[in-house]
Amino acid sequence: MLYKSGLVIGKFMPFHKGHELMINFGLNVVEELHLIVSGTWETPSPAIRSDWIAQTFPEVEVIDLHEEVAEPTYDAEGVAIEDWYWDYWLS
């Protein structure tokens, strides 16, 4: 039995064999697989990482998060301290 659709989210920095294994698993259990590439402020850009995946898996819908999101300030425990950051990701 195949599920209708599935979603994989990741940075894919770099795109490696473990990611390929995860995507192949998804392709075996869903009719449509969607993949979101995140990490907008990191290099290589999401567009480049999306291309890596799209070339390997042309049957997967690859979506890159291309909008720029500012990097927040973190406290000593590594938690973002600015309200705008939490509002952005929780909305």
C-alpha atoms as a PDB file:
ATOM      1  CA  MET A   1       0.000   0.000   0.000  1.00  0.00           C
ATOM      2  CA  LEU A   2       1.269   3.439  -0.946  1.00  0.00           C
ATOM      3  CA  TYR A   3       0.434   6.599   0.952  1.00  0.00           C
ATOM      4  CA  LYS A   4      -0.736   9.500  -1.213  1.00  0.00           C
ATOM      5  CA  SER A   5       2.081  11.938  -0.407  1.00  0.00           C
ATOM      6  CA  GLY A   6       5.103  12.444   1.783  1.00  0.00           C
ATOM      7  CA  LEU A   7       7.379  15.280   2.840  1.00  0.00           C
ATOM      8  CA  VAL A   8      11.107  15.351   3.561  1.00  0.00           C
ATOM      9  CA  ILE A   9      12.670  18.488   5.065  1.00  0.00           C
ATOM     10  CA  GLY A  10      16.374  19.096   5.448  1.00  0.00           C
ATOM     11  CA  LYS A  11      19.414  21.238   4.770  1.00  0.00           C
ATOM     12  CA  PHE A  12      21.171  18.584   2.658  1.00  0.00           C
ATOM     13  CA  MET A  13      24.574  20.138   3.363  1.00  0.00           C
ATOM     14  CA  PRO A  14      26.075  18.400   1.580  1.00  0.00           C
ATOM     15  CA  PHE A  15      23.694  16.063  -0.174  1.00  0.00           C
ATOM     16  CA  HIS A  16      25.030  12.571   0.614  1.00  0.00           C
ATOM     17  CA  LYS A  17      24.255   8.845   0.415  1.00  0.00           C
ATOM     18  CA  GLY A  18      22.259   8.922   3.671  1.00  0.00           C
ATOM     19  CA  HIS A  19      19.944  11.534   2.156  1.00  0.00           C
ATOM     20  CA  GLU A  20      19.622   9.399  -0.970  1.00  0.00           C
ATOM     21  CA  LEU A  21      18.641   6.403   1.169  1.00  0.00           C
ATOM     22  CA  MET A  22      15.974   8.462   2.970  1.00  0.00           C
ATOM     23  CA  ILE A  23      14.550   9.799  -0.307  1.00  0.00           C
ATOM     24  CA  ASN A  24      14.523   6.330  -1.892  1.00  0.00           C
ATOM     25  CA  PHE A  25      12.630   5.037   1.143  1.00  0.00           C
ATOM     26  CA  GLY A  26      10.073   7.817   0.701  1.00  0.00           C
ATOM     27  CA  LEU A  27       9.685   7.049  -2.976  1.00  0.00           C
ATOM     28  CA  ASN A  28       8.884   3.435  -2.089  1.00  0.00           C
ATOM     29  CA  VAL A  29       6.061   4.305   0.312  1.00  0.00           C
ATOM     30  CA  VAL A  30       4.319   7.332  -1.249  1.00  0.00           C
ATOM     31  CA  GLU A  31       2.805   8.217  -4.610  1.00  0.00           C
ATOM     32  CA  GLU A  32       4.148  11.805  -4.496  1.00  0.00           C
ATOM     33  CA  LEU A  33       7.236  12.889  -2.576  1.00  0.00           C
ATOM     34  CA  HIS A  34       7.885  16.546  -1.800  1.00  0.00           C
ATOM     35  CA  LEU A  35      11.196  17.765  -0.467  1.00  0.00           C
ATOM     36  CA  ILE A  36      12.003  21.121   1.162  1.00  0.00           C
ATOM     37  CA  VAL A  37      15.581  22.384   1.244  1.00  0.00           C
ATOM     38  CA  SER A  38      16.194  24.773   4.147  1.00  0.00           C
ATOM     39  CA  GLY A  39      19.141  26.684   5.573  1.00  0.00           C
ATOM     40  CA  THR A  40      18.644  29.919   3.672  1.00  0.00           C
ATOM     41  CA  TRP A  41      21.601  31.823   5.143  1.00  0.00           C
ATOM     42  CA  GLU A  42      24.084  29.038   4.580  1.00  0.00           C
ATOM     43  CA  THR A  43      26.242  28.212   1.587  1.00  0.00           C
ATOM     44  CA  PRO A  44      25.937  26.638  -0.817  1.00  0.00           C
ATOM     45  CA  SER A  45      22.547  28.231  -1.345  1.00  0.00           C
ATOM     46  CA  PRO A  46      19.295  26.263  -1.174  1.00  0.00           C
ATOM     47  CA  ALA A  47      19.004  26.675  -4.966  1.00  0.00           C
ATOM     48  CA  ILE A  48      22.306  24.874  -5.519  1.00  0.00           C
ATOM     49  CA  ARG A  49      21.435  22.133  -3.033  1.00  0.00           C
ATOM     50  CA  SER A  50      17.994  21.781  -4.642  1.00  0.00           C
ATOM     51  CA  ASP A  51      19.659  21.284  -8.016  1.00  0.00           C
ATOM     52  CA  TRP A  52      21.837  18.504  -6.591  1.00  0.00           C
ATOM     53  CA  ILE A  53      18.724  16.652  -5.457  1.00  0.00           C
ATOM     54  CA  ALA A  54      16.637  17.382  -8.563  1.00  0.00           C
ATOM     55  CA  GLN A  55      19.392  16.004 -10.794  1.00  0.00           C
ATOM     56  CA  THR A  56      19.499  12.789  -8.776  1.00  0.00           C
ATOM     57  CA  PHE A  57      15.724  12.463  -8.254  1.00  0.00           C
ATOM     58  CA  PRO A  58      13.863  14.175 -11.121  1.00  0.00           C
ATOM     59  CA  GLU A  59      10.585  12.560  -9.988  1.00  0.00           C
ATOM     60  CA  VAL A  60      10.660  14.403  -6.632  1.00  0.00           C
ATOM     61  CA  GLU A  61       9.185  17.884  -6.204  1.00  0.00           C
ATOM     62  CA  VAL A  62      12.070  19.883  -4.720  1.00  0.00           C
ATOM     63  CA  ILE A  63      11.252  23.219  -3.073  1.00  0.00           C
ATOM     64  CA  ASP A  64      14.019  25.529  -1.941  1.00  0.00           C
ATOM     65  CA  LEU A  65      13.441  28.146   0.718  1.00  0.00           C
ATOM     66  CA  HIS A  66      15.052  31.035  -1.112  1.00  0.00           C
ATOM     67  CA  GLU A  67      13.867  33.921   1.023  1.00  0.00           C
ATOM     68  CA  GLU A  68      16.465  35.462   3.249  1.00  0.00           C
ATOM     69  CA  VAL A  69      15.911  34.988   6.972  1.00  0.00           C
ATOM     70  CA  ALA A  70      18.168  36.956   9.280  1.00  0.00           C
ATOM     71  CA  GLU A  71      20.302  35.018  11.737  1.00  0.00           C
ATOM     72  CA  PRO A  72      19.126  35.640  15.322  1.00  0.00           C
ATOM     73  CA  THR A  73      21.169  36.342  18.425  1.00  0.00           C
ATOM     74  CA  TYR A  74      21.561  33.326  20.719  1.00  0.00           C
ATOM     75  CA  ASP A  75      21.887  33.083  24.485  1.00  0.00           C
ATOM     76  CA  ALA A  76      24.544  30.997  26.272  1.00  0.00           C
ATOM     77  CA  GLU A  77      22.450  27.821  25.831  1.00  0.00           C
ATOM     78  CA  GLY A  78      22.116  28.367  22.067  1.00  0.00           C
ATOM     79  CA  VAL A  79      18.472  29.484  22.163  1.00  0.00           C
ATOM     80  CA  ALA A  80      17.374  32.359  19.910  1.00  0.00           C
ATOM     81  CA  ILE A  81      16.532  35.292  22.164  1.00  0.00           C
ATOM     82  CA  GLU A  82      14.617  37.539  19.768  1.00  0.00           C
ATOM     83  CA  ASP A  83      10.838  37.288  19.581  1.00  0.00           C
ATOM     84  CA  TRP A  84      10.751  37.951  15.820  1.00  0.00           C
ATOM     85  CA  TYR A  85      12.687  34.745  15.220  1.00  0.00           C
ATOM     86  CA  TRP A  86      10.209  32.566  17.104  1.00  0.00           C
ATOM     87  CA  ASP A  87       7.266  34.420  15.544  1.00  0.00           C
ATOM     88  CA  TYR A  88       8.694  33.768  12.059  1.00  0.00           C
ATOM     89  CA  TRP A  89       9.053  30.016  12.516  1.00  0.00           C
ATOM     90  CA  LEU A  90       5.888  29.468  14.546  1.00  0.00           C
ATOM     91  CA  SER A  91       3.507  31.399  12.286  1.00  0.00           C
END
